[in-house]
Amino acid sequence: MKIPVPKNLIRKLVGYKEKSLQYFRLNPRYNVDFYYDEKVLVDEIFNMNECADLKIFGKKSDVIKVTNILLHRLEQIKMKSILI
């Protein structure tokens, strides 16, 4: 499954040293793995309409659960960014 993430926010979603993604990879409750373009993890500023795909692989039910969690986190990040 693919989640389009604004390039400016992917670093916040992934977390420092992939902390957020490692939680799902190493947690035995979720059987998932991720792929994204690591070239977007730079200090450049992109337009908010420029997106990078975060691809989630694994067992179907786990992929759906993790996708929903990440979409919720992304929405929170977007709201905080708008408020700032």
PDB file of N, CA and C in Angstrom:
ATOM      1  N   MET A   1       0.848  -1.156   0.000  1.00  0.00           N
ATOM      2  CA  MET A   1       0.000   0.000   0.000  1.00  0.00           C
ATOM      3  C   MET A   1       0.904   1.233   0.000  1.00  0.00           C
ATOM      4  N   LYS A   2       0.482   2.270  -0.693  1.00  0.00           N
ATOM      5  CA  LYS A   2       1.260   3.502  -0.767  1.00  0.00           C
ATOM      6  C   LYS A   2       0.538   4.624  -0.036  1.00  0.00           C
ATOM      7  N   ILE A   3       1.316   5.398   0.710  1.00  0.00           N
ATOM      8  CA  ILE A   3       0.797   6.606   1.343  1.00  0.00           C
ATOM      9  C   ILE A   3       1.565   7.783   0.741  1.00  0.00           C
ATOM     10  N   PRO A   4       0.876   8.725   0.101  1.00  0.00           N
ATOM     11  CA  PRO A   4       1.578   9.924  -0.365  1.00  0.00           C
ATOM     12  C   PRO A   4       1.814  10.861   0.816  1.00  0.00           C
ATOM     13  N   VAL A   5       3.086  11.188   1.057  1.00  0.00           N
ATOM     14  CA  VAL A   5       3.469  12.036   2.183  1.00  0.00           C
ATOM     15  C   VAL A   5       4.169  13.272   1.619  1.00  0.00           C
ATOM     16  N   PRO A   6       3.756  14.471   2.044  1.00  0.00           N
ATOM     17  CA  PRO A   6       4.489  15.661   1.599  1.00  0.00           C
ATOM     18  C   PRO A   6       5.969  15.539   1.967  1.00  0.00           C
ATOM     19  N   LYS A   7       6.827  15.900   1.036  1.00  0.00           N
ATOM     20  CA  LYS A   7       8.268  15.733   1.245  1.00  0.00           C
ATOM     21  C   LYS A   7       8.771  16.485   2.471  1.00  0.00           C
ATOM     22  N   ASN A   8       8.152  17.601   2.793  1.00  0.00           N
ATOM     23  CA  ASN A   8       8.572  18.363   3.971  1.00  0.00           C
ATOM     24  C   ASN A   8       8.245  17.642   5.275  1.00  0.00           C
ATOM     25  N   LEU A   9       7.265  16.761   5.258  1.00  0.00           N
ATOM     26  CA  LEU A   9       6.805  16.122   6.489  1.00  0.00           C
ATOM     27  C   LEU A   9       7.275  14.683   6.650  1.00  0.00           C
ATOM     28  N   ILE A  10       7.899  14.122   5.633  1.00  0.00           N
ATOM     29  CA  ILE A  10       8.265  12.700   5.721  1.00  0.00           C
ATOM     30  C   ILE A  10       9.310  12.467   6.810  1.00  0.00           C
ATOM     31  N   ARG A  11      10.188  13.419   7.022  1.00  0.00           N
ATOM     32  CA  ARG A  11      11.202  13.262   8.069  1.00  0.00           C
ATOM     33  C   ARG A  11      10.537  13.176   9.440  1.00  0.00           C
ATOM     34  N   LYS A  12       9.502  13.977   9.660  1.00  0.00           N
ATOM     35  CA  LYS A  12       8.792  13.939  10.943  1.00  0.00           C
ATOM     36  C   LYS A  12       8.002  12.643  11.101  1.00  0.00           C
ATOM     37  N   LEU A  13       7.428  12.156  10.020  1.00  0.00           N
ATOM     38  CA  LEU A  13       6.660  10.917  10.094  1.00  0.00           C
ATOM     39  C   LEU A  13       7.558   9.712  10.340  1.00  0.00           C
ATOM     40  N   VAL A  14       8.684   9.674   9.657  1.00  0.00           N
ATOM     41  CA  VAL A  14       9.625   8.553   9.787  1.00  0.00           C
ATOM     42  C   VAL A  14      10.311   8.595  11.150  1.00  0.00           C
ATOM     43  N   GLY A  15      10.617   9.787  11.639  1.00  0.00           N
ATOM     44  CA  GLY A  15      11.292   9.930  12.925  1.00  0.00           C
ATOM     45  C   GLY A  15      12.794   9.886  12.776  1.00  0.00           C
ATOM     46  N   TYR A  16      13.472  10.326  13.806  1.00  0.00           N
ATOM     47  CA  TYR A  16      14.935  10.334  13.817  1.00  0.00           C
ATOM     48  C   TYR A  16      15.451   8.905  13.726  1.00  0.00           C
ATOM     49  N   LYS A  17      16.301   8.646  12.758  1.00  0.00           N
ATOM     50  CA  LYS A  17      16.848   7.303  12.497  1.00  0.00           C
ATOM     51  C   LYS A  17      15.740   6.260  12.365  1.00  0.00           C
ATOM     52  N   GLU A  18      14.655   6.637  11.680  1.00  0.00           N
ATOM     53  CA  GLU A  18      13.512   5.749  11.419  1.00  0.00           C
ATOM     54  C   GLU A  18      12.900   5.197  12.698  1.00  0.00           C
ATOM     55  N   LYS A  19      12.912   5.969  13.753  1.00  0.00           N
ATOM     56  CA  LYS A  19      12.403   5.497  15.041  1.00  0.00           C
ATOM     57  C   LYS A  19      10.961   5.005  14.947  1.00  0.00           C
ATOM     58  N   SER A  20      10.117   5.764  14.271  1.00  0.00           N
ATOM     59  CA  SER A  20       8.706   5.364  14.164  1.00  0.00           C
ATOM     60  C   SER A  20       8.548   4.091  13.346  1.00  0.00           C
ATOM     61  N   LEU A  21       9.284   3.987  12.252  1.00  0.00           N
ATOM     62  CA  LEU A  21       9.156   2.805  11.397  1.00  0.00           C
ATOM     63  C   LEU A  21       9.774   1.575  12.052  1.00  0.00           C
ATOM     64  N   GLN A  22      10.867   1.760  12.773  1.00  0.00           N
ATOM     65  CA  GLN A  22      11.508   0.629  13.452  1.00  0.00           C
ATOM     66  C   GLN A  22      10.577   0.022  14.499  1.00  0.00           C
ATOM     67  N   TYR A  23       9.765   0.865  15.127  1.00  0.00           N
ATOM     68  CA  TYR A  23       8.808   0.350  16.114  1.00  0.00           C
ATOM     69  C   TYR A  23       7.895  -0.685  15.463  1.00  0.00           C
ATOM     70  N   PHE A  24       7.385  -0.378  14.272  1.00  0.00           N
ATOM     71  CA  PHE A  24       6.480  -1.312  13.590  1.00  0.00           C
ATOM     72  C   PHE A  24       7.234  -2.512  13.031  1.00  0.00           C
ATOM     73  N   ARG A  25       8.456  -2.314  12.565  1.00  0.00           N
ATOM     74  CA  ARG A  25       9.239  -3.436  12.024  1.00  0.00           C
ATOM     75  C   ARG A  25       9.575  -4.452  13.103  1.00  0.00           C
ATOM     76  N   LEU A  26       9.946  -3.971  14.283  1.00  0.00           N
ATOM     77  CA  LEU A  26      10.426  -4.860  15.337  1.00  0.00           C
ATOM     78  C   LEU A  26       9.322  -5.381  16.258  1.00  0.00           C
ATOM     79  N   ASN A  27       8.149  -4.779  16.179  1.00  0.00           N
ATOM     80  CA  ASN A  27       7.038  -5.196  17.025  1.00  0.00           C
ATOM     81  C   ASN A  27       6.455  -6.509  16.482  1.00  0.00           C
ATOM     82  N   PRO A  28       6.387  -7.556  17.315  1.00  0.00           N
ATOM     83  CA  PRO A  28       5.878  -8.837  16.814  1.00  0.00           C
ATOM     84  C   PRO A  28       4.388  -8.811  16.454  1.00  0.00           C
ATOM     85  N   ARG A  29       3.652  -7.781  16.889  1.00  0.00           N
ATOM     86  CA  ARG A  29       2.232  -7.690  16.542  1.00  0.00           C
ATOM     87  C   ARG A  29       2.024  -7.296  15.088  1.00  0.00           C
ATOM     88  N   TYR A  30       3.028  -6.659  14.483  1.00  0.00           N
ATOM     89  CA  TYR A  30       2.903  -6.195  13.104  1.00  0.00           C
ATOM     90  C   TYR A  30       3.946  -6.888  12.243  1.00  0.00           C
ATOM     91  N   ASN A  31       3.505  -7.402  11.118  1.00  0.00           N
ATOM     92  CA  ASN A  31       4.407  -8.048  10.176  1.00  0.00           C
ATOM     93  C   ASN A  31       4.484  -7.156   8.937  1.00  0.00           C
ATOM     94  N   VAL A  32       5.246  -6.046   9.044  1.00  0.00           N
ATOM     95  CA  VAL A  32       5.315  -5.072   7.964  1.00  0.00           C
ATOM     96  C   VAL A  32       6.757  -4.625   7.733  1.00  0.00           C
ATOM     97  N   ASP A  33       6.968  -4.067   6.556  1.00  0.00           N
ATOM     98  CA  ASP A  33       8.232  -3.433   6.211  1.00  0.00           C
ATOM     99  C   ASP A  33       7.905  -2.215   5.359  1.00  0.00           C
ATOM    100  N   PHE A  34       8.867  -1.311   5.239  1.00  0.00           N
ATOM    101  CA  PHE A  34       8.629  -0.043   4.575  1.00  0.00           C
ATOM    102  C   PHE A  34       9.682   0.226   3.510  1.00  0.00           C
ATOM    103  N   TYR A  35       9.278   1.034   2.537  1.00  0.00           N
ATOM    104  CA  TYR A  35      10.213   1.555   1.546  1.00  0.00           C
ATOM    105  C   TYR A  35       9.817   2.997   1.240  1.00  0.00           C
ATOM    106  N   TYR A  36      10.813   3.852   1.199  1.00  0.00           N
ATOM    107  CA  TYR A  36      10.625   5.237   0.782  1.00  0.00           C
ATOM    108  C   TYR A  36      11.943   5.737   0.225  1.00  0.00           C
ATOM    109  N   ASP A  37      11.877   6.810  -0.530  1.00  0.00           N
ATOM    110  CA  ASP A  37      13.066   7.376  -1.141  1.00  0.00           C
ATOM    111  C   ASP A  37      13.840   8.155  -0.088  1.00  0.00           C
ATOM    112  N   GLU A  38      14.991   7.647   0.303  1.00  0.00           N
ATOM    113  CA  GLU A  38      15.778   8.283   1.358  1.00  0.00           C
ATOM    114  C   GLU A  38      16.410   9.598   0.905  1.00  0.00           C
ATOM    115  N   LYS A  39      16.357   9.887  -0.375  1.00  0.00           N
ATOM    116  CA  LYS A  39      16.919  11.139  -0.891  1.00  0.00           C
ATOM    117  C   LYS A  39      16.106  12.355  -0.458  1.00  0.00           C
ATOM    118  N   VAL A  40      14.879  12.158   0.009  1.00  0.00           N
ATOM    119  CA  VAL A  40      14.058  13.288   0.442  1.00  0.00           C
ATOM    120  C   VAL A  40      14.319  13.663   1.901  1.00  0.00           C
ATOM    121  N   LEU A  41      15.137  12.892   2.602  1.00  0.00           N
ATOM    122  CA  LEU A  41      15.466  13.207   3.988  1.00  0.00           C
ATOM    123  C   LEU A  41      16.645  14.179   4.034  1.00  0.00           C
ATOM    124  N   VAL A  42      16.426  15.347   3.489  1.00  0.00           N
ATOM    125  CA  VAL A  42      17.455  16.388   3.442  1.00  0.00           C
ATOM    126  C   VAL A  42      16.888  17.653   4.086  1.00  0.00           C
ATOM    127  N   ASP A  43      17.720  18.646   4.237  1.00  0.00           N
ATOM    128  CA  ASP A  43      17.292  19.896   4.852  1.00  0.00           C
ATOM    129  C   ASP A  43      16.723  20.886   3.853  1.00  0.00           C
ATOM    130  N   GLU A  44      16.411  20.436   2.674  1.00  0.00           N
ATOM    131  CA  GLU A  44      15.814  21.323   1.681  1.00  0.00           C
ATOM    132  C   GLU A  44      14.344  21.535   1.986  1.00  0.00           C
ATOM    133  N   ILE A  45      13.815  22.632   1.486  1.00  0.00           N
ATOM    134  CA  ILE A  45      12.391  22.924   1.644  1.00  0.00           C
ATOM    135  C   ILE A  45      11.712  22.658   0.311  1.00  0.00           C
ATOM    136  N   PHE A  46      10.658  21.865   0.339  1.00  0.00           N
ATOM    137  CA  PHE A  46       9.898  21.517  -0.852  1.00  0.00           C
ATOM    138  C   PHE A  46       8.538  22.199  -0.802  1.00  0.00           C
ATOM    139  N   ASN A  47       7.877  22.275  -1.938  1.00  0.00           N
ATOM    140  CA  ASN A  47       6.493  22.743  -1.958  1.00  0.00           C
ATOM    141  C   ASN A  47       5.630  21.724  -1.232  1.00  0.00           C
ATOM    142  N   MET A  48       4.554  22.190  -0.605  1.00  0.00           N
ATOM    143  CA  MET A  48       3.692  21.274   0.142  1.00  0.00           C
ATOM    144  C   MET A  48       2.935  20.306  -0.757  1.00  0.00           C
ATOM    145  N   ASN A  49       2.823  20.629  -2.044  1.00  0.00           N
ATOM    146  CA  ASN A  49       2.132  19.703  -2.947  1.00  0.00           C
ATOM    147  C   ASN A  49       3.076  18.652  -3.525  1.00  0.00           C
ATOM    148  N   GLU A  50       4.374  18.721  -3.227  1.00  0.00           N
ATOM    149  CA  GLU A  50       5.324  17.695  -3.672  1.00  0.00           C
ATOM    150  C   GLU A  50       5.282  16.552  -2.662  1.00  0.00           C
ATOM    151  N   CYS A  51       4.996  15.370  -3.150  1.00  0.00           N
ATOM    152  CA  CYS A  51       4.857  14.210  -2.264  1.00  0.00           C
ATOM    153  C   CYS A  51       5.860  13.124  -2.609  1.00  0.00           C
ATOM    154  N   ALA A  52       6.187  12.349  -1.611  1.00  0.00           N
ATOM    155  CA  ALA A  52       6.994  11.145  -1.775  1.00  0.00           C
ATOM    156  C   ALA A  52       6.136   9.981  -1.284  1.00  0.00           C
ATOM    157  N   ASP A  53       6.287   8.840  -1.888  1.00  0.00           N
ATOM    158  CA  ASP A  53       5.487   7.679  -1.506  1.00  0.00           C
ATOM    159  C   ASP A  53       6.171   6.886  -0.402  1.00  0.00           C
ATOM    160  N   LEU A  54       5.408   6.572   0.612  1.00  0.00           N
ATOM    161  CA  LEU A  54       5.841   5.653   1.651  1.00  0.00           C
ATOM    162  C   LEU A  54       5.108   4.349   1.374  1.00  0.00           C
ATOM    163  N   LYS A  55       5.862   3.319   0.989  1.00  0.00           N
ATOM    164  CA  LYS A  55       5.258   2.033   0.633  1.00  0.00           C
ATOM    165  C   LYS A  55       5.338   1.096   1.829  1.00  0.00           C
ATOM    166  N   ILE A  56       4.230   0.425   2.091  1.00  0.00           N
ATOM    167  CA  ILE A  56       4.136  -0.493   3.223  1.00  0.00           C
ATOM    168  C   ILE A  56       3.848  -1.892   2.682  1.00  0.00           C
ATOM    169  N   PHE A  57       4.691  -2.842   3.073  1.00  0.00           N
ATOM    170  CA  PHE A  57       4.573  -4.229   2.624  1.00  0.00           C
ATOM    171  C   PHE A  57       4.316  -5.115   3.828  1.00  0.00           C
ATOM    172  N   GLY A  58       3.661  -6.232   3.598  1.00  0.00           N
ATOM    173  CA  GLY A  58       3.480  -7.205   4.662  1.00  0.00           C
ATOM    174  C   GLY A  58       2.135  -7.884   4.598  1.00  0.00           C
ATOM    175  N   LYS A  59       1.742  -8.442   5.731  1.00  0.00           N
ATOM    176  CA  LYS A  59       0.465  -9.131   5.855  1.00  0.00           C
ATOM    177  C   LYS A  59      -0.660  -8.105   5.736  1.00  0.00           C
ATOM    178  N   LYS A  60      -1.702  -8.449   4.981  1.00  0.00           N
ATOM    179  CA  LYS A  60      -2.748  -7.489   4.626  1.00  0.00           C
ATOM    180  C   LYS A  60      -3.372  -6.800   5.843  1.00  0.00           C
ATOM    181  N   SER A  61      -3.768  -7.546   6.839  1.00  0.00           N
ATOM    182  CA  SER A  61      -4.421  -6.939   8.005  1.00  0.00           C
ATOM    183  C   SER A  61      -3.456  -6.024   8.763  1.00  0.00           C
ATOM    184  N   ASP A  62      -2.180  -6.428   8.852  1.00  0.00           N
ATOM    185  CA  ASP A  62      -1.187  -5.594   9.522  1.00  0.00           C
ATOM    186  C   ASP A  62      -0.896  -4.326   8.730  1.00  0.00           C
ATOM    187  N   VAL A  63      -0.848  -4.450   7.418  1.00  0.00           N
ATOM    188  CA  VAL A  63      -0.608  -3.275   6.567  1.00  0.00           C
ATOM    189  C   VAL A  63      -1.729  -2.259   6.747  1.00  0.00           C
ATOM    190  N   ILE A  64      -2.950  -2.727   6.813  1.00  0.00           N
ATOM    191  CA  ILE A  64      -4.093  -1.814   6.983  1.00  0.00           C
ATOM    192  C   ILE A  64      -4.024  -1.121   8.343  1.00  0.00           C
ATOM    193  N   LYS A  65      -3.704  -1.872   9.407  1.00  0.00           N
ATOM    194  CA  LYS A  65      -3.598  -1.280  10.746  1.00  0.00           C
ATOM    195  C   LYS A  65      -2.504  -0.219  10.785  1.00  0.00           C
ATOM    196  N   VAL A  66      -1.324  -0.558  10.280  1.00  0.00           N
ATOM    197  CA  VAL A  66      -0.193   0.368  10.315  1.00  0.00           C
ATOM    198  C   VAL A  66      -0.462   1.584   9.428  1.00  0.00           C
ATOM    199  N   THR A  67      -1.082   1.376   8.284  1.00  0.00           N
ATOM    200  CA  THR A  67      -1.425   2.490   7.406  1.00  0.00           C
ATOM    201  C   THR A  67      -2.353   3.467   8.106  1.00  0.00           C
ATOM    202  N   ASN A  68      -3.361   2.954   8.784  1.00  0.00           N
ATOM    203  CA  ASN A  68      -4.282   3.822   9.511  1.00  0.00           C
ATOM    204  C   ASN A  68      -3.574   4.595  10.622  1.00  0.00           C
ATOM    205  N   ILE A  69      -2.683   3.931  11.341  1.00  0.00           N
ATOM    206  CA  ILE A  69      -1.925   4.608  12.406  1.00  0.00           C
ATOM    207  C   ILE A  69      -1.058   5.708  11.821  1.00  0.00           C
ATOM    208  N   LEU A  70      -0.346   5.407  10.724  1.00  0.00           N
ATOM    209  CA  LEU A  70       0.538   6.401  10.114  1.00  0.00           C
ATOM    210  C   LEU A  70      -0.248   7.556   9.501  1.00  0.00           C
ATOM    211  N   LEU A  71      -1.406   7.280   8.913  1.00  0.00           N
ATOM    212  CA  LEU A  71      -2.236   8.365   8.381  1.00  0.00           C
ATOM    213  C   LEU A  71      -2.726   9.284   9.492  1.00  0.00           C
ATOM    214  N   HIS A  72      -3.065   8.707  10.638  1.00  0.00           N
ATOM    215  CA  HIS A  72      -3.484   9.519  11.778  1.00  0.00           C
ATOM    216  C   HIS A  72      -2.327  10.397  12.266  1.00  0.00           C
ATOM    217  N   ARG A  73      -1.132   9.813  12.374  1.00  0.00           N
ATOM    218  CA  ARG A  73       0.050  10.588  12.779  1.00  0.00           C
ATOM    219  C   ARG A  73       0.358  11.693  11.772  1.00  0.00           C
ATOM    220  N   LEU A  74       0.232  11.376  10.502  1.00  0.00           N
ATOM    221  CA  LEU A  74       0.495  12.369   9.463  1.00  0.00           C
ATOM    222  C   LEU A  74      -0.489  13.529   9.571  1.00  0.00           C
ATOM    223  N   GLU A  75      -1.732  13.222   9.850  1.00  0.00           N
ATOM    224  CA  GLU A  75      -2.740  14.279  10.009  1.00  0.00           C
ATOM    225  C   GLU A  75      -2.390  15.173  11.208  1.00  0.00           C
ATOM    226  N   GLN A  76      -1.919  14.579  12.288  1.00  0.00           N
ATOM    227  CA  GLN A  76      -1.503  15.366  13.448  1.00  0.00           C
ATOM    228  C   GLN A  76      -0.316  16.263  13.112  1.00  0.00           C
ATOM    229  N   ILE A  77       0.643  15.729  12.372  1.00  0.00           N
ATOM    230  CA  ILE A  77       1.807  16.516  11.961  1.00  0.00           C
ATOM    231  C   ILE A  77       1.386  17.672  11.087  1.00  0.00           C
ATOM    232  N   LYS A  78       0.462  17.430  10.151  1.00  0.00           N
ATOM    233  CA  LYS A  78      -0.022  18.487   9.279  1.00  0.00           C
ATOM    234  C   LYS A  78      -0.703  19.586  10.087  1.00  0.00           C
ATOM    235  N   MET A  79      -1.510  19.198  11.060  1.00  0.00           N
ATOM    236  CA  MET A  79      -2.218  20.183  11.880  1.00  0.00           C
ATOM    237  C   MET A  79      -1.219  21.032  12.681  1.00  0.00           C
ATOM    238  N   LYS A  80      -0.204  20.407  13.250  1.00  0.00           N
ATOM    239  CA  LYS A  80       0.810  21.159  13.991  1.00  0.00           C
ATOM    240  C   LYS A  80       1.560  22.113  13.074  1.00  0.00           C
ATOM    241  N   SER A  81       1.859  21.662  11.846  1.00  0.00           N
ATOM    242  CA  SER A  81       2.578  22.503  10.884  1.00  0.00           C
ATOM    243  C   SER A  81       1.739  23.712  10.488  1.00  0.00           C
ATOM    244  N   ILE A  82       0.445  23.506  10.326  1.00  0.00           N
ATOM    245  CA  ILE A  82      -0.450  24.624   9.966  1.00  0.00           C
ATOM    246  C   ILE A  82      -0.518  25.633  11.110  1.00  0.00           C
ATOM    247  N   LEU A  83      -0.586  25.135  12.344  1.00  0.00           N
ATOM    248  CA  LEU A  83      -0.673  26.027  13.494  1.00  0.00           C
ATOM    249  C   LEU A  83       0.610  26.854  13.668  1.00  0.00           C
ATOM    250  N   ILE A  84       1.743  26.268  13.347  1.00  0.00           N
ATOM    251  CA  ILE A  84       3.008  27.001  13.470  1.00  0.00           C
ATOM    252  C   ILE A  84       3.090  28.035  12.385  1.00  0.00           C
TER     253      ILE A  84
END
